[in-house]
């Protein structure tokens, strides 16, 4: 039986994270210049150099693969295998000295995420998710926790309630108004903590492919569920509205609350 993601590609993904970490660490809590991109989101030399480092290795070792990066765009997206890179997911945390950002490296096979790495290079936490295998957190199997009381007992995470556009904000408020605890900030780190059993639920919208592709194998490989707001699997065509939950009841009740 063919592996969904061959072991050499898993090894390469970890090497990419190993290579980008030192680049980011050298700039953390130093006076780096912050530029504003067209969408008003911040970017620094650390974002750009980390992505350059990752892309250079992929292009040298897997020249036929596609690349979808946040900072330097796309290449060969029709390829069977496409690497999706967010060098610093949570640049606002990075520039304010908070170590709750992460490097995201995903691998799509025909548009579907089959491998994901969340790497926090400051505290050196790493989650590795591979389709068909248990998620590893710092080399050990990770597991979500079941929330016995469903949404009403859940600890909910999101980057910011202000990031939900239009009607999505009203939908999120219905979820937050039911959840027991709401925690803000964390970007990809929140999904890693869900996979490790510390959160019950993460809800977001307006995400790009590079924001969520790596998270899917991490969450599902730890026993969780991660879908769009309609309960459909996430892939390269998804609209950026995501729900990650540690158990089926919390997931189901969250989808119902979002739908109104």
Protein backbone atom coordinates (compact mmCIF):
# COMPACT_ATOMS: atom_id res chain seq x y z
CA UNK A 1 0.00 0.00 0.00
CA UNK A 2 1.35 3.43 -0.99
CA UNK A 3 2.04 5.85 1.86
CA UNK A 4 -0.01 9.10 1.72
CA UNK A 5 3.27 10.92 2.39
CA UNK A 6 6.54 9.03 1.83
CA UNK A 7 9.03 9.09 4.68
CA UNK A 8 11.74 11.03 2.76
CA UNK A 9 9.30 13.92 2.37
CA UNK A 10 8.54 13.85 6.10
CA UNK A 11 12.26 13.99 6.81
CA UNK A 12 12.66 16.90 4.40
CA UNK A 13 9.84 18.83 6.09
CA UNK A 14 11.61 18.59 9.44
CA UNK A 15 14.88 19.67 7.85
CA UNK A 16 13.15 22.73 6.46
CA UNK A 17 11.98 23.64 9.96
CA UNK A 18 15.46 22.97 11.33
CA UNK A 19 16.94 25.34 8.76
CA UNK A 20 14.47 28.20 9.29
CA UNK A 21 14.63 28.21 13.08
CA UNK A 22 18.09 29.77 13.47
CA UNK A 23 17.20 32.45 10.92
CA UNK A 24 14.20 33.52 12.99
CA UNK A 25 15.93 33.25 16.37
CA UNK A 26 18.68 35.69 15.38
CA UNK A 27 16.08 38.43 14.85
CA UNK A 28 13.74 37.74 17.76
CA UNK A 29 13.57 40.61 20.26
CA UNK A 30 15.96 42.72 18.19
CA UNK A 31 15.13 46.11 16.63
CA UNK A 32 14.06 44.90 13.18
CA UNK A 33 12.30 47.13 10.68
CA UNK A 34 8.63 46.35 10.13
CA UNK A 35 7.07 46.92 6.71
CA UNK A 36 3.37 46.95 5.88
CA UNK A 37 2.20 44.72 3.05
CA UNK A 38 -0.64 45.62 0.69
CA UNK A 39 -3.18 44.09 3.08
CA UNK A 40 -1.69 46.13 5.98
CA UNK A 41 -0.24 43.02 7.65
CA UNK A 42 3.33 43.39 8.96
CA UNK A 43 6.42 41.70 7.53
CA UNK A 44 10.06 41.70 8.62
CA UNK A 45 13.45 40.55 7.41
CA UNK A 46 12.95 37.44 9.53
CA UNK A 47 9.83 36.44 7.56
CA UNK A 48 11.59 36.97 4.24
CA UNK A 49 14.89 35.31 5.10
CA UNK A 50 13.18 32.30 6.67
CA UNK A 51 11.06 31.73 3.58
CA UNK A 52 14.06 32.19 1.28
CA UNK A 53 15.91 29.56 3.30
CA UNK A 54 13.05 27.07 3.04
CA UNK A 55 12.44 27.69 -0.66
CA UNK A 56 16.12 27.31 -1.53
CA UNK A 57 16.23 23.81 -0.04
CA UNK A 58 13.01 22.73 -1.77
CA UNK A 59 14.16 24.10 -5.12
CA UNK A 60 17.52 22.34 -4.81
CA UNK A 61 16.17 18.96 -3.73
CA UNK A 62 12.64 18.85 -5.21
CA UNK A 63 12.79 21.13 -8.28
CA UNK A 64 9.59 19.73 -9.81
CA UNK A 65 7.47 20.36 -6.71
CA UNK A 66 5.22 23.37 -6.42
CA UNK A 67 5.64 26.10 -3.81
CA UNK A 68 3.03 28.39 -2.28
CA UNK A 69 4.69 30.87 0.07
CA UNK A 70 3.30 33.84 1.94
CA UNK A 71 6.15 36.21 1.16
CA UNK A 72 7.34 35.19 -2.33
CA UNK A 73 4.29 33.82 -4.03
CA UNK A 74 3.60 30.67 -5.99
CA UNK A 75 5.42 28.36 -8.34
CA UNK A 76 4.24 25.29 -10.26
CA UNK A 77 0.94 24.92 -8.45
CA UNK A 78 -0.16 22.22 -10.89
CA UNK A 79 2.50 19.86 -9.51
CA UNK A 80 1.49 16.63 -7.78
CA UNK A 81 3.26 17.79 -4.60
CA UNK A 82 3.05 21.43 -3.46
CA UNK A 83 4.83 22.87 -0.42
CA UNK A 84 2.91 25.57 1.44
CA UNK A 85 4.98 27.92 3.62
CA UNK A 86 4.19 30.55 6.21
CA UNK A 87 7.62 31.46 7.61
CA UNK A 88 6.20 33.32 10.60
CA UNK A 89 2.53 32.76 11.31
CA UNK A 90 1.91 35.45 13.88
CA UNK A 91 4.26 38.24 12.84
CA UNK A 92 2.50 40.63 15.24
CA UNK A 93 3.52 38.36 18.11
CA UNK A 94 7.05 38.12 16.72
CA UNK A 95 7.54 41.89 16.54
CA UNK A 96 6.15 42.38 20.05
CA UNK A 97 8.48 39.80 21.56
CA UNK A 98 5.85 37.15 22.31
CA UNK A 99 6.96 33.57 21.52
CA UNK A 100 3.52 32.37 20.45
CA UNK A 101 4.06 32.49 16.69
CA UNK A 102 5.25 29.62 14.54
CA UNK A 103 6.65 28.48 11.22
CA UNK A 104 4.14 26.52 9.16
CA UNK A 105 5.25 24.01 6.55
CA UNK A 106 2.64 21.93 4.74
CA UNK A 107 2.76 19.49 1.87
CA UNK A 108 -0.23 19.10 -0.41
CA UNK A 109 -0.75 15.98 -2.51
CA UNK A 110 -3.05 16.84 -5.38
CA UNK A 111 -4.47 19.75 -3.37
CA UNK A 112 -4.99 17.91 -0.10
CA UNK A 113 -2.81 18.53 3.00
CA UNK A 114 -1.06 15.27 3.94
CA UNK A 115 1.80 16.67 6.04
CA UNK A 116 2.10 19.60 8.41
CA UNK A 117 4.75 21.05 10.69
CA UNK A 118 4.14 23.71 13.33
CA UNK A 119 7.53 24.85 14.61
CA UNK A 120 7.98 27.37 17.42
CA UNK A 121 11.68 28.21 17.14
CA UNK A 122 12.04 30.19 20.38
CA UNK A 123 10.67 27.72 22.93
CA UNK A 124 11.49 24.97 20.41
CA UNK A 125 8.12 23.26 20.41
CA UNK A 126 7.33 21.26 17.29
CA UNK A 127 4.27 19.42 16.08
CA UNK A 128 4.55 17.01 13.17
CA UNK A 129 1.38 15.73 11.54
CA UNK A 130 1.40 13.15 8.75
CA UNK A 131 -1.70 11.55 7.27
CA UNK A 132 -2.01 7.97 8.51
CA UNK A 133 0.33 8.50 11.47
CA UNK A 134 -0.13 9.84 15.01
CA UNK A 135 0.81 13.47 15.47
CA UNK A 136 4.06 14.01 17.34
CA UNK A 137 4.62 16.85 19.80
CA UNK A 138 8.33 17.24 20.50
CA UNK A 139 8.82 13.67 19.34
CA UNK A 140 6.09 12.11 21.47
CA UNK A 141 2.54 11.11 20.43
CA UNK A 142 0.04 13.93 20.96
CA UNK A 143 -3.64 13.61 21.72
CA UNK A 144 -6.57 15.99 21.93
CA UNK A 145 -8.80 15.91 24.97
CA UNK A 146 -12.52 15.19 24.95
CA UNK A 147 -14.64 18.02 26.33
CA UNK A 148 -17.37 16.19 28.25
CA UNK A 149 -19.73 19.15 28.31
CA UNK A 150 -19.44 20.10 24.64
CA UNK A 151 -19.28 23.72 23.54
CA UNK A 152 -20.64 25.07 26.85
CA UNK A 153 -17.65 23.57 28.68
CA UNK A 154 -15.05 24.34 26.02
CA UNK A 155 -11.92 26.45 26.12
CA UNK A 156 -12.06 28.39 22.85
CA UNK A 157 -9.15 30.01 21.08
CA UNK A 158 -8.89 32.48 18.21
CA UNK A 159 -6.25 34.97 17.16
CA UNK A 160 -8.56 37.98 17.61
CA UNK A 161 -12.33 38.47 17.63
CA UNK A 162 -11.74 41.61 15.56
CA UNK A 163 -10.39 39.65 12.58
CA UNK A 164 -13.75 38.16 11.61
CA UNK A 165 -15.24 40.03 8.63
CA UNK A 166 -18.87 41.09 8.47
CA UNK A 167 -21.41 38.46 9.44
CA UNK A 168 -18.62 36.08 10.43
CA UNK A 169 -18.05 38.22 13.52
CA UNK A 170 -21.66 37.76 14.62
CA UNK A 171 -21.32 34.01 14.06
CA UNK A 172 -18.15 33.89 16.14
CA UNK A 173 -19.82 35.83 18.95
CA UNK A 174 -22.50 33.15 19.15
CA UNK A 175 -19.78 30.56 19.69
CA UNK A 176 -17.81 32.69 22.17
CA UNK A 177 -20.99 33.51 24.06
CA UNK A 178 -21.59 29.81 24.66
CA UNK A 179 -18.03 28.62 25.32
CA UNK A 180 -16.85 28.50 28.92
CA UNK A 181 -13.52 30.27 28.35
CA UNK A 182 -12.22 32.33 25.41
CA UNK A 183 -8.48 32.84 24.88
CA UNK A 184 -7.15 35.30 22.28
CA UNK A 185 -3.79 35.37 20.50
CA UNK A 186 -1.62 32.50 19.44
CA UNK A 187 -2.23 32.05 15.71
CA UNK A 188 -0.98 28.56 14.75
CA UNK A 189 0.26 27.89 18.29
CA UNK A 190 -3.35 27.57 19.46
CA UNK A 191 -3.91 24.67 17.08
CA UNK A 192 -0.79 22.95 18.34
CA UNK A 193 -2.01 23.35 21.91
CA UNK A 194 -5.39 21.90 20.89
CA UNK A 195 -3.58 18.90 19.41
CA UNK A 196 -1.69 18.52 22.70
CA UNK A 197 -4.88 18.60 24.79
CA UNK A 198 -4.80 22.15 26.20
CA UNK A 199 -7.56 23.77 24.12
CA UNK A 200 -10.91 22.29 23.10
CA UNK A 201 -11.75 24.47 20.15
CA UNK A 202 -10.30 27.03 17.70
CA UNK A 203 -12.49 29.04 15.32
CA UNK A 204 -11.23 31.46 12.69
CA UNK A 205 -12.11 32.97 9.32
CA UNK A 206 -10.34 34.93 6.61
CA UNK A 207 -7.38 32.54 6.57
CA UNK A 208 -5.20 31.89 3.53
CA UNK A 209 -4.03 28.44 2.47
CA UNK A 210 -0.63 29.02 4.07
CA UNK A 211 -2.38 29.83 7.37
CA UNK A 212 -4.25 26.53 7.71
CA UNK A 213 -2.81 23.81 5.45
CA UNK A 214 -0.15 22.65 7.93
CA UNK A 215 -2.62 22.61 10.80
CA UNK A 216 -4.96 20.00 9.33
CA UNK A 217 -2.67 16.93 9.60
CA UNK A 218 -1.51 18.06 13.05
CA UNK A 219 -5.03 18.33 14.48
CA UNK A 220 -6.50 15.25 12.81
CA UNK A 221 -3.46 13.11 13.57
CA UNK A 222 -3.97 13.91 17.27
CA UNK A 223 -7.58 12.67 17.11
CA UNK A 224 -9.25 16.01 16.51
CA UNK A 225 -11.49 17.33 13.76
CA UNK A 226 -10.70 20.26 11.47
CA UNK A 227 -13.13 21.42 8.80
CA UNK A 228 -14.62 24.52 7.25
CA UNK A 229 -17.69 26.12 8.82
CA UNK A 230 -19.94 23.83 6.79
CA UNK A 231 -18.23 20.72 8.14
CA UNK A 232 -16.41 20.01 4.88
CA UNK A 233 -12.76 18.86 4.66
CA UNK A 234 -10.16 21.56 4.15
CA UNK A 235 -8.07 21.63 0.98
CA UNK A 236 -6.53 24.08 -1.48
CA UNK A 237 -9.99 25.28 -2.56
CA UNK A 238 -11.35 26.04 0.93
CA UNK A 239 -12.60 29.52 1.81
CA UNK A 240 -10.50 30.13 4.93
CA UNK A 241 -13.24 29.67 7.53
CA UNK A 242 -12.03 26.93 9.88
CA UNK A 243 -13.11 25.02 12.96
CA UNK A 244 -10.75 22.76 14.88
CA UNK A 245 -12.16 20.75 17.78
CA UNK A 246 -10.97 18.03 20.08
CA UNK A 247 -14.15 15.96 19.94
CA UNK A 248 -17.17 15.37 17.71
CA UNK A 249 -19.77 16.87 20.05
CA UNK A 250 -17.94 20.16 20.45
CA UNK A 251 -17.36 20.29 16.71
CA UNK A 252 -21.02 19.60 15.94
CA UNK A 253 -22.34 22.17 18.41
CA UNK A 254 -19.89 24.78 17.13
CA UNK A 255 -21.00 24.30 13.53
CA UNK A 256 -24.61 24.71 14.66
CA UNK A 257 -23.80 27.93 16.53
CA UNK A 258 -21.92 29.35 13.56
CA UNK A 259 -24.86 28.58 11.29
CA UNK A 260 -27.18 30.41 13.66
